[in-house]
Structure formats: C-alpha cells, structure tokens
Amino acid sequence: MTNSVDIFLSRPRYILRYLGIWPKENHMIVHSIYKAFVMMTQYSFILFEFIYIADVWGNLDEVSEASYLLFTQASVCYKATDIRKTSTKNKETLRSVSYECFDDVYVVGNNASLGLG
C-alpha cells in the first residue's frame, strides 16, 4: 500500500533529485559533485545578471527586466540552499507524516477514516 508521502511527493521528489537538491539515500561522491555543479550554475546566473545590469544601466526597460530576473533567481537560490540546509528536518517531517493514521486519509473513496460516512 502506498503511503501519503508517495502519493503527494513522488513527482516533486523526483524533480528535486534530478536537479541535485533533494538528497539521495545512497550518497556518492559523484552526487556531491553534481549538487555543487548545479548550485554553482544557479549562483553564477546571479553574478551574470549583476554584470548585465551594470552593462545596460541607462536603459530603464532593460534594467527593470534584468532586476526582475535577478530577484527571481535570487529567491530560487535561497530556496534551494534552504532545502539543502534543512534536508534532515524535511526527512524527519516526511517520516512523521507517513504514520499509519495518515496513510488512509487521502485515499480516494475512503471516507470512513475521515468520519464522513
């Protein structure tokens, strides 16, 4: 039987593992290098955005568009770094959600566990 973590987080967990953000169970040095490479590319985009803003400083349209991309990318980098820092807390939270009392709550057609019928 699938648990609630598998039902709701299978696709986002797969995507985050592909991007090197979500940790794998079997930790290898290649995965650590891949994680560092992905994070380096994310932070280098911010650096290049600063360089681009300095280059087009007189054009208001270009500066505003580059600033929007800069702040969007900065928030992505912050969120990815925060996920990496709190990955053990995230795993503990997912483990606590996967207890038996939560497994049947969101299964389609099981209204008895919700007290609905």
PDB file of N, CA and C in Angstrom:
ATOM      1  N   MET A   1       0.845  -1.186   0.000  1.00  0.00           N
ATOM      2  CA  MET A   1       0.000   0.000   0.000  1.00  0.00           C
ATOM      3  C   MET A   1       0.882   1.240   0.000  1.00  0.00           C
ATOM      4  N   THR A   2       0.522   2.196  -0.792  1.00  0.00           N
ATOM      5  CA  THR A   2       1.298   3.427  -0.846  1.00  0.00           C
ATOM      6  C   THR A   2       0.939   4.324   0.329  1.00  0.00           C
ATOM      7  N   ASN A   3       1.920   5.068   0.795  1.00  0.00           N
ATOM      8  CA  ASN A   3       1.644   5.984   1.895  1.00  0.00           C
ATOM      9  C   ASN A   3       1.437   7.398   1.352  1.00  0.00           C
ATOM     10  N   SER A   4       1.093   8.317   2.233  1.00  0.00           N
ATOM     11  CA  SER A   4       0.759   9.678   1.800  1.00  0.00           C
ATOM     12  C   SER A   4       1.961  10.408   1.219  1.00  0.00           C
ATOM     13  N   VAL A   5       3.164  10.089   1.668  1.00  0.00           N
ATOM     14  CA  VAL A   5       4.355  10.730   1.120  1.00  0.00           C
ATOM     15  C   VAL A   5       4.532  10.336  -0.339  1.00  0.00           C
ATOM     16  N   ASP A   6       4.331   9.063  -0.649  1.00  0.00           N
ATOM     17  CA  ASP A   6       4.463   8.616  -2.035  1.00  0.00           C
ATOM     18  C   ASP A   6       3.373   9.196  -2.926  1.00  0.00           C
ATOM     19  N   ILE A   7       2.183   9.356  -2.384  1.00  0.00           N
ATOM     20  CA  ILE A   7       1.073   9.880  -3.180  1.00  0.00           C
ATOM     21  C   ILE A   7       1.320  11.337  -3.578  1.00  0.00           C
ATOM     22  N   PHE A   8       1.737  12.158  -2.630  1.00  0.00           N
ATOM     23  CA  PHE A   8       1.819  13.592  -2.881  1.00  0.00           C
ATOM     24  C   PHE A   8       3.195  14.078  -3.314  1.00  0.00           C
ATOM     25  N   LEU A   9       4.255  13.365  -2.959  1.00  0.00           N
ATOM     26  CA  LEU A   9       5.591  13.905  -3.193  1.00  0.00           C
ATOM     27  C   LEU A   9       6.436  13.104  -4.160  1.00  0.00           C
ATOM     28  N   SER A  10       5.872  12.154  -4.860  1.00  0.00           N
ATOM     29  CA  SER A  10       6.704  11.336  -5.742  1.00  0.00           C
ATOM     30  C   SER A  10       7.276  12.155  -6.899  1.00  0.00           C
ATOM     31  N   ARG A  11       6.462  12.934  -7.574  1.00  0.00           N
ATOM     32  CA  ARG A  11       6.947  13.721  -8.710  1.00  0.00           C
ATOM     33  C   ARG A  11       7.852  14.878  -8.278  1.00  0.00           C
ATOM     34  N   PRO A  12       7.476  15.702  -7.266  1.00  0.00           N
ATOM     35  CA  PRO A  12       8.410  16.760  -6.851  1.00  0.00           C
ATOM     36  C   PRO A  12       9.730  16.210  -6.318  1.00  0.00           C
ATOM     37  N   ARG A  13       9.683  15.086  -5.611  1.00  0.00           N
ATOM     38  CA  ARG A  13      10.912  14.492  -5.099  1.00  0.00           C
ATOM     39  C   ARG A  13      11.804  14.029  -6.254  1.00  0.00           C
ATOM     40  N   TYR A  14      11.214  13.469  -7.304  1.00  0.00           N
ATOM     41  CA  TYR A  14      11.979  13.039  -8.471  1.00  0.00           C
ATOM     42  C   TYR A  14      12.647  14.228  -9.149  1.00  0.00           C
ATOM     43  N   ILE A  15      11.903  15.319  -9.315  1.00  0.00           N
ATOM     44  CA  ILE A  15      12.450  16.514  -9.962  1.00  0.00           C
ATOM     45  C   ILE A  15      13.563  17.119  -9.122  1.00  0.00           C
ATOM     46  N   LEU A  16      13.364  17.199  -7.802  1.00  0.00           N
ATOM     47  CA  LEU A  16      14.391  17.767  -6.943  1.00  0.00           C
ATOM     48  C   LEU A  16      15.631  16.893  -6.890  1.00  0.00           C
ATOM     49  N   ARG A  17      15.464  15.577  -6.973  1.00  0.00           N
ATOM     50  CA  ARG A  17      16.637  14.698  -7.037  1.00  0.00           C
ATOM     51  C   ARG A  17      17.376  14.874  -8.353  1.00  0.00           C
ATOM     52  N   TYR A  18      16.635  15.050  -9.432  1.00  0.00           N
ATOM     53  CA  TYR A  18      17.256  15.263 -10.741  1.00  0.00           C
ATOM     54  C   TYR A  18      18.061  16.557 -10.754  1.00  0.00           C
ATOM     55  N   LEU A  19      17.559  17.583 -10.082  1.00  0.00           N
ATOM     56  CA  LEU A  19      18.260  18.860 -10.022  1.00  0.00           C
ATOM     57  C   LEU A  19      19.378  18.880  -8.988  1.00  0.00           C
ATOM     58  N   GLY A  20      19.518  17.812  -8.223  1.00  0.00           N
ATOM     59  CA  GLY A  20      20.585  17.743  -7.237  1.00  0.00           C
ATOM     60  C   GLY A  20      20.269  18.413  -5.926  1.00  0.00           C
ATOM     61  N   ILE A  21      19.017  18.752  -5.697  1.00  0.00           N
ATOM     62  CA  ILE A  21      18.642  19.457  -4.475  1.00  0.00           C
ATOM     63  C   ILE A  21      18.207  18.483  -3.391  1.00  0.00           C
ATOM     64  N   TRP A  22      17.366  17.499  -3.735  1.00  0.00           N
ATOM     65  CA  TRP A  22      16.906  16.521  -2.754  1.00  0.00           C
ATOM     66  C   TRP A  22      17.965  15.428  -2.609  1.00  0.00           C
ATOM     67  N   PRO A  23      18.368  15.102  -1.386  1.00  0.00           N
ATOM     68  CA  PRO A  23      19.442  14.110  -1.213  1.00  0.00           C
ATOM     69  C   PRO A  23      18.979  12.692  -1.545  1.00  0.00           C
ATOM     70  N   LYS A  24      19.899  11.903  -2.049  1.00  0.00           N
ATOM     71  CA  LYS A  24      19.618  10.507  -2.347  1.00  0.00           C
ATOM     72  C   LYS A  24      19.932   9.659  -1.117  1.00  0.00           C
ATOM     73  N   GLU A  25      19.348   8.460  -1.080  1.00  0.00           N
ATOM     74  CA  GLU A  25      19.596   7.575   0.052  1.00  0.00           C
ATOM     75  C   GLU A  25      21.021   7.044   0.035  1.00  0.00           C
ATOM     76  N   ASN A  26      21.499   6.620  -1.127  1.00  0.00           N
ATOM     77  CA  ASN A  26      22.871   6.132  -1.240  1.00  0.00           C
ATOM     78  C   ASN A  26      23.750   7.286  -1.714  1.00  0.00           C
ATOM     79  N   HIS A  27      24.433   7.891  -0.777  1.00  0.00           N
ATOM     80  CA  HIS A  27      25.220   9.095  -1.050  1.00  0.00           C
ATOM     81  C   HIS A  27      26.548   8.710  -1.687  1.00  0.00           C
ATOM     82  N   MET A  28      26.807   9.267  -2.870  1.00  0.00           N
ATOM     83  CA  MET A  28      28.052   9.005  -3.583  1.00  0.00           C
ATOM     84  C   MET A  28      28.763  10.324  -3.838  1.00  0.00           C
ATOM     85  N   ILE A  29      30.052  10.250  -4.095  1.00  0.00           N
ATOM     86  CA  ILE A  29      30.843  11.450  -4.348  1.00  0.00           C
ATOM     87  C   ILE A  29      30.421  12.116  -5.655  1.00  0.00           C
ATOM     88  N   VAL A  30      29.972  11.314  -6.621  1.00  0.00           N
ATOM     89  CA  VAL A  30      29.514  11.880  -7.901  1.00  0.00           C
ATOM     90  C   VAL A  30      28.277  12.745  -7.678  1.00  0.00           C
ATOM     91  N   HIS A  31      27.397  12.305  -6.788  1.00  0.00           N
ATOM     92  CA  HIS A  31      26.197  13.089  -6.481  1.00  0.00           C
ATOM     93  C   HIS A  31      26.574  14.407  -5.800  1.00  0.00           C
ATOM     94  N   SER A  32      27.569  14.380  -4.930  1.00  0.00           N
ATOM     95  CA  SER A  32      28.018  15.618  -4.275  1.00  0.00           C
ATOM     96  C   SER A  32      28.614  16.593  -5.282  1.00  0.00           C
ATOM     97  N   ILE A  33      29.377  16.078  -6.227  1.00  0.00           N
ATOM     98  CA  ILE A  33      29.937  16.934  -7.272  1.00  0.00           C
ATOM     99  C   ILE A  33      28.830  17.517  -8.136  1.00  0.00           C
ATOM    100  N   TYR A  34      27.822  16.697  -8.455  1.00  0.00           N
ATOM    101  CA  TYR A  34      26.688  17.164  -9.254  1.00  0.00           C
ATOM    102  C   TYR A  34      25.912  18.251  -8.513  1.00  0.00           C
ATOM    103  N   LYS A  35      25.681  18.062  -7.210  1.00  0.00           N
ATOM    104  CA  LYS A  35      24.984  19.070  -6.415  1.00  0.00           C
ATOM    105  C   LYS A  35      25.758  20.387  -6.421  1.00  0.00           C
ATOM    106  N   ALA A  36      27.074  20.306  -6.250  1.00  0.00           N
ATOM    107  CA  ALA A  36      27.892  21.518  -6.247  1.00  0.00           C
ATOM    108  C   ALA A  36      27.857  22.202  -7.609  1.00  0.00           C
ATOM    109  N   PHE A  37      27.876  21.431  -8.684  1.00  0.00           N
ATOM    110  CA  PHE A  37      27.812  22.000 -10.028  1.00  0.00           C
ATOM    111  C   PHE A  37      26.485  22.705 -10.273  1.00  0.00           C
ATOM    112  N   VAL A  38      25.383  22.079  -9.868  1.00  0.00           N
ATOM    113  CA  VAL A  38      24.059  22.688 -10.072  1.00  0.00           C
ATOM    114  C   VAL A  38      23.944  23.983  -9.279  1.00  0.00           C
ATOM    115  N   MET A  39      24.382  23.967  -8.026  1.00  0.00           N
ATOM    116  CA  MET A  39      24.290  25.185  -7.218  1.00  0.00           C
ATOM    117  C   MET A  39      25.225  26.272  -7.753  1.00  0.00           C
ATOM    118  N   MET A  40      26.390  25.882  -8.277  1.00  0.00           N
ATOM    119  CA  MET A  40      27.312  26.853  -8.844  1.00  0.00           C
ATOM    120  C   MET A  40      26.691  27.530 -10.071  1.00  0.00           C
ATOM    121  N   THR A  41      25.993  26.764 -10.908  1.00  0.00           N
ATOM    122  CA  THR A  41      25.355  27.377 -12.073  1.00  0.00           C
ATOM    123  C   THR A  41      24.232  28.316 -11.659  1.00  0.00           C
ATOM    124  N   GLN A  42      23.504  27.972 -10.606  1.00  0.00           N
ATOM    125  CA  GLN A  42      22.432  28.850 -10.139  1.00  0.00           C
ATOM    126  C   GLN A  42      22.993  30.181  -9.623  1.00  0.00           C
ATOM    127  N   TYR A  43      24.051  30.097  -8.833  1.00  0.00           N
ATOM    128  CA  TYR A  43      24.642  31.325  -8.297  1.00  0.00           C
ATOM    129  C   TYR A  43      25.405  32.111  -9.357  1.00  0.00           C
ATOM    130  N   SER A  44      25.964  31.445 -10.364  1.00  0.00           N
ATOM    131  CA  SER A  44      26.659  32.179 -11.425  1.00  0.00           C
ATOM    132  C   SER A  44      25.681  32.984 -12.267  1.00  0.00           C
ATOM    133  N   PHE A  45      24.432  32.509 -12.383  1.00  0.00           N
ATOM    134  CA  PHE A  45      23.418  33.286 -13.101  1.00  0.00           C
ATOM    135  C   PHE A  45      23.192  34.630 -12.418  1.00  0.00           C
ATOM    136  N   ILE A  46      23.213  34.643 -11.098  1.00  0.00           N
ATOM    137  CA  ILE A  46      23.047  35.899 -10.360  1.00  0.00           C
ATOM    138  C   ILE A  46      24.216  36.839 -10.653  1.00  0.00           C
ATOM    139  N   LEU A  47      25.414  36.307 -10.669  1.00  0.00           N
ATOM    140  CA  LEU A  47      26.589  37.115 -10.977  1.00  0.00           C
ATOM    141  C   LEU A  47      26.481  37.737 -12.376  1.00  0.00           C
ATOM    142  N   PHE A  48      26.073  36.936 -13.348  1.00  0.00           N
ATOM    143  CA  PHE A  48      25.945  37.450 -14.707  1.00  0.00           C
ATOM    144  C   PHE A  48      24.808  38.458 -14.837  1.00  0.00           C
ATOM    145  N   GLU A  49      23.779  38.320 -14.031  1.00  0.00           N
ATOM    146  CA  GLU A  49      22.705  39.319 -14.028  1.00  0.00           C
ATOM    147  C   GLU A  49      23.213  40.661 -13.502  1.00  0.00           C
ATOM    148  N   PHE A  50      24.047  40.641 -12.460  1.00  0.00           N
ATOM    149  CA  PHE A  50      24.648  41.889 -11.982  1.00  0.00           C
ATOM    150  C   PHE A  50      25.514  42.527 -13.060  1.00  0.00           C
ATOM    151  N   ILE A  51      26.275  41.732 -13.772  1.00  0.00           N
ATOM    152  CA  ILE A  51      27.122  42.251 -14.852  1.00  0.00           C
ATOM    153  C   ILE A  51      26.249  42.847 -15.958  1.00  0.00           C
ATOM    154  N   TYR A  52      25.140  42.164 -16.280  1.00  0.00           N
ATOM    155  CA  TYR A  52      24.239  42.662 -17.332  1.00  0.00           C
ATOM    156  C   TYR A  52      23.573  43.969 -16.903  1.00  0.00           C
ATOM    157  N   ILE A  53      23.174  44.078 -15.644  1.00  0.00           N
ATOM    158  CA  ILE A  53      22.552  45.315 -15.154  1.00  0.00           C
ATOM    159  C   ILE A  53      23.544  46.466 -15.231  1.00  0.00           C
ATOM    160  N   ALA A  54      24.807  46.213 -14.895  1.00  0.00           N
ATOM    161  CA  ALA A  54      25.826  47.252 -14.999  1.00  0.00           C
ATOM    162  C   ALA A  54      26.054  47.659 -16.453  1.00  0.00           C
ATOM    163  N   ASP A  55      25.903  46.699 -17.367  1.00  0.00           N
ATOM    164  CA  ASP A  55      26.120  46.983 -18.786  1.00  0.00           C
ATOM    165  C   ASP A  55      24.998  47.826 -19.385  1.00  0.00           C
ATOM    166  N   VAL A  56      23.753  47.586 -19.003  1.00  0.00           N
ATOM    167  CA  VAL A  56      22.603  48.302 -19.587  1.00  0.00           C
ATOM    168  C   VAL A  56      22.022  49.323 -18.613  1.00  0.00           C
ATOM    169  N   TRP A  57      22.841  49.932 -17.791  1.00  0.00           N
ATOM    170  CA  TRP A  57      22.365  50.785 -16.707  1.00  0.00           C
ATOM    171  C   TRP A  57      21.512  51.957 -17.179  1.00  0.00           C
ATOM    172  N   GLY A  58      21.696  52.503 -18.347  1.00  0.00           N
ATOM    173  CA  GLY A  58      20.938  53.667 -18.799  1.00  0.00           C
ATOM    174  C   GLY A  58      19.546  53.344 -19.318  1.00  0.00           C
ATOM    175  N   ASN A  59      19.296  52.114 -19.737  1.00  0.00           N
ATOM    176  CA  ASN A  59      18.023  51.727 -20.338  1.00  0.00           C
ATOM    177  C   ASN A  59      17.093  51.197 -19.243  1.00  0.00           C
ATOM    178  N   LEU A  60      16.007  51.942 -18.984  1.00  0.00           N
ATOM    179  CA  LEU A  60      15.113  51.588 -17.887  1.00  0.00           C
ATOM    180  C   LEU A  60      14.406  50.255 -18.129  1.00  0.00           C
ATOM    181  N   ASP A  61      13.974  49.995 -19.360  1.00  0.00           N
ATOM    182  CA  ASP A  61      13.294  48.731 -19.651  1.00  0.00           C
ATOM    183  C   ASP A  61      14.209  47.530 -19.415  1.00  0.00           C
ATOM    184  N   GLU A  62      15.432  47.614 -19.895  1.00  0.00           N
ATOM    185  CA  GLU A  62      16.369  46.501 -19.733  1.00  0.00           C
ATOM    186  C   GLU A  62      16.750  46.287 -18.275  1.00  0.00           C
ATOM    187  N   VAL A  63      16.948  47.374 -17.545  1.00  0.00           N
ATOM    188  CA  VAL A  63      17.314  47.259 -16.127  1.00  0.00           C
ATOM    189  C   VAL A  63      16.166  46.659 -15.322  1.00  0.00           C
ATOM    190  N   SER A  64      14.937  47.068 -15.618  1.00  0.00           N
ATOM    191  CA  SER A  64      13.799  46.525 -14.861  1.00  0.00           C
ATOM    192  C   SER A  64      13.585  45.056 -15.180  1.00  0.00           C
ATOM    193  N   GLU A  65      13.762  44.662 -16.433  1.00  0.00           N
ATOM    194  CA  GLU A  65      13.626  43.248 -16.784  1.00  0.00           C
ATOM    195  C   GLU A  65      14.735  42.410 -16.137  1.00  0.00           C
ATOM    196  N   ALA A  66      15.962  42.933 -16.168  1.00  0.00           N
ATOM    197  CA  ALA A  66      17.078  42.211 -15.552  1.00  0.00           C
ATOM    198  C   ALA A  66      16.921  42.149 -14.033  1.00  0.00           C
ATOM    199  N   SER A  67      16.383  43.204 -13.443  1.00  0.00           N
ATOM    200  CA  SER A  67      16.157  43.190 -11.988  1.00  0.00           C
ATOM    201  C   SER A  67      15.100  42.163 -11.611  1.00  0.00           C
ATOM    202  N   TYR A  68      14.064  42.051 -12.415  1.00  0.00           N
ATOM    203  CA  TYR A  68      13.044  41.030 -12.163  1.00  0.00           C
ATOM    204  C   TYR A  68      13.656  39.636 -12.212  1.00  0.00           C
ATOM    205  N   LEU A  69      14.458  39.366 -13.245  1.00  0.00           N
ATOM    206  CA  LEU A  69      15.125  38.065 -13.340  1.00  0.00           C
ATOM    207  C   LEU A  69      16.102  37.848 -12.197  1.00  0.00           C
ATOM    208  N   LEU A  70      16.784  38.915 -11.792  1.00  0.00           N
ATOM    209  CA  LEU A  70      17.739  38.808 -10.697  1.00  0.00           C
ATOM    210  C   LEU A  70      17.056  38.419  -9.399  1.00  0.00           C
ATOM    211  N   PHE A  71      15.968  39.097  -9.062  1.00  0.00           N
ATOM    212  CA  PHE A  71      15.290  38.789  -7.805  1.00  0.00           C
ATOM    213  C   PHE A  71      14.593  37.431  -7.853  1.00  0.00           C
ATOM    214  N   THR A  72      14.099  37.049  -9.016  1.00  0.00           N
ATOM    215  CA  THR A  72      13.512  35.722  -9.153  1.00  0.00           C
ATOM    216  C   THR A  72      14.570  34.641  -8.948  1.00  0.00           C
ATOM    217  N   GLN A  73      15.713  34.800  -9.573  1.00  0.00           N
ATOM    218  CA  GLN A  73      16.788  33.824  -9.430  1.00  0.00           C
ATOM    219  C   GLN A  73      17.358  33.829  -8.017  1.00  0.00           C
ATOM    220  N   ALA A  74      17.428  34.986  -7.401  1.00  0.00           N
ATOM    221  CA  ALA A  74      17.921  35.053  -6.016  1.00  0.00           C
ATOM    222  C   ALA A  74      16.993  34.296  -5.080  1.00  0.00           C
ATOM    223  N   SER A  75      15.680  34.385  -5.299  1.00  0.00           N
ATOM    224  CA  SER A  75      14.752  33.633  -4.446  1.00  0.00           C
ATOM    225  C   SER A  75      14.854  32.135  -4.705  1.00  0.00           C
ATOM    226  N   VAL A  76      15.102  31.733  -5.954  1.00  0.00           N
ATOM    227  CA  VAL A  76      15.304  30.313  -6.257  1.00  0.00           C
ATOM    228  C   VAL A  76      16.555  29.801  -5.554  1.00  0.00           C
ATOM    229  N   CYS A  77      17.625  30.575  -5.600  1.00  0.00           N
ATOM    230  CA  CYS A  77      18.869  30.166  -4.933  1.00  0.00           C
ATOM    231  C   CYS A  77      18.681  30.080  -3.427  1.00  0.00           C
ATOM    232  N   TYR A  78      17.952  31.035  -2.862  1.00  0.00           N
ATOM    233  CA  TYR A  78      17.698  30.988  -1.425  1.00  0.00           C
ATOM    234  C   TYR A  78      16.898  29.744  -1.047  1.00  0.00           C
ATOM    235  N   LYS A  79      15.850  29.447  -1.823  1.00  0.00           N
ATOM    236  CA  LYS A  79      15.023  28.286  -1.514  1.00  0.00           C
ATOM    237  C   LYS A  79      15.797  26.986  -1.677  1.00  0.00           C
ATOM    238  N   ALA A  80      16.601  26.881  -2.721  1.00  0.00           N
ATOM    239  CA  ALA A  80      17.387  25.668  -2.930  1.00  0.00           C
ATOM    240  C   ALA A  80      18.427  25.480  -1.835  1.00  0.00           C
ATOM    241  N   THR A  81      19.060  26.570  -1.417  1.00  0.00           N
ATOM    242  CA  THR A  81      20.037  26.485  -0.333  1.00  0.00           C
ATOM    243  C   THR A  81      19.360  26.126   0.976  1.00  0.00           C
ATOM    244  N   ASP A  82      18.185  26.685   1.221  1.00  0.00           N
ATOM    245  CA  ASP A  82      17.449  26.372   2.442  1.00  0.00           C
ATOM    246  C   ASP A  82      17.012  24.910   2.469  1.00  0.00           C
ATOM    247  N   ILE A  83      16.588  24.381   1.339  1.00  0.00           N
ATOM    248  CA  ILE A  83      16.217  22.964   1.270  1.00  0.00           C
ATOM    249  C   ILE A  83      17.426  22.098   1.554  1.00  0.00           C
ATOM    250  N   ARG A  84      18.586  22.462   1.005  1.00  0.00           N
ATOM    251  CA  ARG A  84      19.805  21.685   1.248  1.00  0.00           C
ATOM    252  C   ARG A  84      20.213  21.729   2.717  1.00  0.00           C
ATOM    253  N   LYS A  85      20.054  22.903   3.357  1.00  0.00           N
ATOM    254  CA  LYS A  85      20.448  23.029   4.757  1.00  0.00           C
ATOM    255  C   LYS A  85      19.509  22.275   5.685  1.00  0.00           C
ATOM    256  N   THR A  86      18.230  22.232   5.353  1.00  0.00           N
ATOM    257  CA  THR A  86      17.242  21.616   6.251  1.00  0.00           C
ATOM    258  C   THR A  86      16.774  20.263   5.742  1.00  0.00           C
ATOM    259  N   SER A  87      17.596  19.568   4.985  1.00  0.00           N
ATOM    260  CA  SER A  87      17.151  18.293   4.411  1.00  0.00           C
ATOM    261  C   SER A  87      16.888  17.241   5.484  1.00  0.00           C
ATOM    262  N   THR A  88      17.647  17.252   6.572  1.00  0.00           N
ATOM    263  CA  THR A  88      17.383  16.266   7.630  1.00  0.00           C
ATOM    264  C   THR A  88      16.064  16.558   8.329  1.00  0.00           C
ATOM    265  N   LYS A  89      15.761  17.837   8.531  1.00  0.00           N
ATOM    266  CA  LYS A  89      14.470  18.190   9.138  1.00  0.00           C
ATOM    267  C   LYS A  89      13.320  17.808   8.205  1.00  0.00           C
ATOM    268  N   ASN A  90      13.524  18.000   6.896  1.00  0.00           N
ATOM    269  CA  ASN A  90      12.486  17.624   5.938  1.00  0.00           C
ATOM    270  C   ASN A  90      12.243  16.123   5.963  1.00  0.00           C
ATOM    271  N   LYS A  91      13.309  15.341   6.049  1.00  0.00           N
ATOM    272  CA  LYS A  91      13.149  13.885   6.104  1.00  0.00           C
ATOM    273  C   LYS A  91      12.417  13.458   7.369  1.00  0.00           C
ATOM    274  N   GLU A  92      12.728  14.100   8.505  1.00  0.00           N
ATOM    275  CA  GLU A  92      12.037  13.774   9.749  1.00  0.00           C
ATOM    276  C   GLU A  92      10.554  14.117   9.659  1.00  0.00           C
ATOM    277  N   THR A  93      10.239  15.247   9.039  1.00  0.00           N
ATOM    278  CA  THR A  93       8.836  15.640   8.869  1.00  0.00           C
ATOM    279  C   THR A  93       8.106  14.644   7.972  1.00  0.00           C
ATOM    280  N   LEU A  94       8.730  14.229   6.871  1.00  0.00           N
ATOM    281  CA  LEU A  94       8.101  13.255   5.985  1.00  0.00           C
ATOM    282  C   LEU A  94       7.916  11.912   6.674  1.00  0.00           C
ATOM    283  N   ARG A  95       8.874  11.535   7.528  1.00  0.00           N
ATOM    284  CA  ARG A  95       8.729  10.288   8.273  1.00  0.00           C
ATOM    285  C   ARG A  95       7.560  10.366   9.246  1.00  0.00           C
ATOM    286  N   SER A  96       7.366  11.518   9.889  1.00  0.00           N
ATOM    287  CA  SER A  96       6.268  11.645  10.844  1.00  0.00           C
ATOM    288  C   SER A  96       4.918  11.662  10.133  1.00  0.00           C
ATOM    289  N   VAL A  97       4.871  12.138   8.891  1.00  0.00           N
ATOM    290  CA  VAL A  97       3.624  12.162   8.137  1.00  0.00           C
ATOM    291  C   VAL A  97       3.250  10.770   7.649  1.00  0.00           C
ATOM    292  N   SER A  98       4.204   9.894   7.502  1.00  0.00           N
ATOM    293  CA  SER A  98       3.909   8.590   6.918  1.00  0.00           C
ATOM    294  C   SER A  98       3.488   7.547   7.946  1.00  0.00           C
ATOM    295  N   TYR A  99       3.023   7.961   9.114  1.00  0.00           N
ATOM    296  CA  TYR A  99       2.474   7.009  10.071  1.00  0.00           C
ATOM    297  C   TYR A  99       1.168   6.438   9.539  1.00  0.00           C
ATOM    298  N   GLU A 100       0.728   5.344  10.122  1.00  0.00           N
ATOM    299  CA  GLU A 100      -0.480   4.656   9.642  1.00  0.00           C
ATOM    300  C   GLU A 100      -1.724   5.526   9.719  1.00  0.00           C
ATOM    301  N   CYS A 101      -1.825   6.373  10.721  1.00  0.00           N
ATOM    302  CA  CYS A 101      -3.040   7.171  10.867  1.00  0.00           C
ATOM    303  C   CYS A 101      -3.198   8.175   9.728  1.00  0.00           C
ATOM    304  N   PHE A 102      -2.124   8.526   9.025  1.00  0.00           N
ATOM    305  CA  PHE A 102      -2.220   9.464   7.921  1.00  0.00           C
ATOM    306  C   PHE A 102      -2.309   8.777   6.564  1.00  0.00           C
ATOM    307  N   ASP A 103      -2.027   7.489   6.495  1.00  0.00           N
ATOM    308  CA  ASP A 103      -1.948   6.816   5.208  1.00  0.00           C
ATOM    309  C   ASP A 103      -3.281   6.738   4.479  1.00  0.00           C
ATOM    310  N   ASP A 104      -4.369   6.459   5.177  1.00  0.00           N
ATOM    311  CA  ASP A 104      -5.651   6.238   4.526  1.00  0.00           C
ATOM    312  C   ASP A 104      -6.505   7.496   4.408  1.00  0.00           C
ATOM    313  N   VAL A 105      -6.062   8.601   4.922  1.00  0.00           N
ATOM    314  CA  VAL A 105      -6.901   9.790   4.958  1.00  0.00           C
ATOM    315  C   VAL A 105      -7.201  10.324   3.566  1.00  0.00           C
ATOM    316  N   TYR A 106      -6.206  10.345   2.694  1.00  0.00           N
ATOM    317  CA  TYR A 106      -6.398  10.954   1.389  1.00  0.00           C
ATOM    318  C   TYR A 106      -6.582   9.951   0.262  1.00  0.00           C
ATOM    319  N   VAL A 107      -6.806   8.695   0.585  1.00  0.00           N
ATOM    320  CA  VAL A 107      -7.056   7.700  -0.448  1.00  0.00           C
ATOM    321  C   VAL A 107      -8.466   7.914  -0.968  1.00  0.00           C
ATOM    322  N   VAL A 108      -8.621   7.939  -2.279  1.00  0.00           N
ATOM    323  CA  VAL A 108      -9.921   8.226  -2.896  1.00  0.00           C
ATOM    324  C   VAL A 108     -10.915   7.136  -2.524  1.00  0.00           C
ATOM    325  N   GLY A 109     -12.060   7.540  -2.079  1.00  0.00           N
ATOM    326  CA  GLY A 109     -13.115   6.593  -1.774  1.00  0.00           C
ATOM    327  C   GLY A 109     -13.109   6.099  -0.331  1.00  0.00           C
ATOM    328  N   ASN A 110     -12.174   6.514   0.477  1.00  0.00           N
ATOM    329  CA  ASN A 110     -12.108   6.064   1.853  1.00  0.00           C
ATOM    330  C   ASN A 110     -12.608   7.180   2.755  1.00  0.00           C
ATOM    331  N   ASN A 111     -13.912   7.375   2.813  1.00  0.00           N
ATOM    332  CA  ASN A 111     -14.496   8.432   3.622  1.00  0.00           C
ATOM    333  C   ASN A 111     -14.686   8.019   5.063  1.00  0.00           C
ATOM    334  N   ALA A 112     -14.572   6.725   5.368  1.00  0.00           N
ATOM    335  CA  ALA A 112     -14.760   6.271   6.744  1.00  0.00           C
ATOM    336  C   ALA A 112     -13.677   6.804   7.669  1.00  0.00           C
ATOM    337  N   SER A 113     -12.444   6.888   7.173  1.00  0.00           N
ATOM    338  CA  SER A 113     -11.359   7.384   8.020  1.00  0.00           C
ATOM    339  C   SER A 113     -11.485   8.887   8.278  1.00  0.00           C
ATOM    340  N   LEU A 114     -12.233   9.579   7.448  1.00  0.00           N
ATOM    341  CA  LEU A 114     -12.466  10.991   7.650  1.00  0.00           C
ATOM    342  C   LEU A 114     -13.685  11.256   8.529  1.00  0.00           C
ATOM    343  N   GLY A 115     -14.429  10.238   8.815  1.00  0.00           N
ATOM    344  CA  GLY A 115     -15.646  10.409   9.592  1.00  0.00           C
ATOM    345  C   GLY A 115     -16.782  10.948   8.751  1.00  0.00           C
ATOM    346  N   LEU A 116     -16.735  10.735   7.437  1.00  0.00           N
ATOM    347  CA  LEU A 116     -17.768  11.272   6.550  1.00  0.00           C
ATOM    348  C   LEU A 116     -18.794  10.243   6.124  1.00  0.00           C
ATOM    349  N   GLY A 117     -18.592   9.022   6.511  1.00  0.00           N
ATOM    350  CA  GLY A 117     -19.610   8.096   6.045  1.00  0.00           C
ATOM    351  C   GLY A 117     -19.418   6.724   6.381  1.00  0.00           C
TER     352      GLY A 117
END
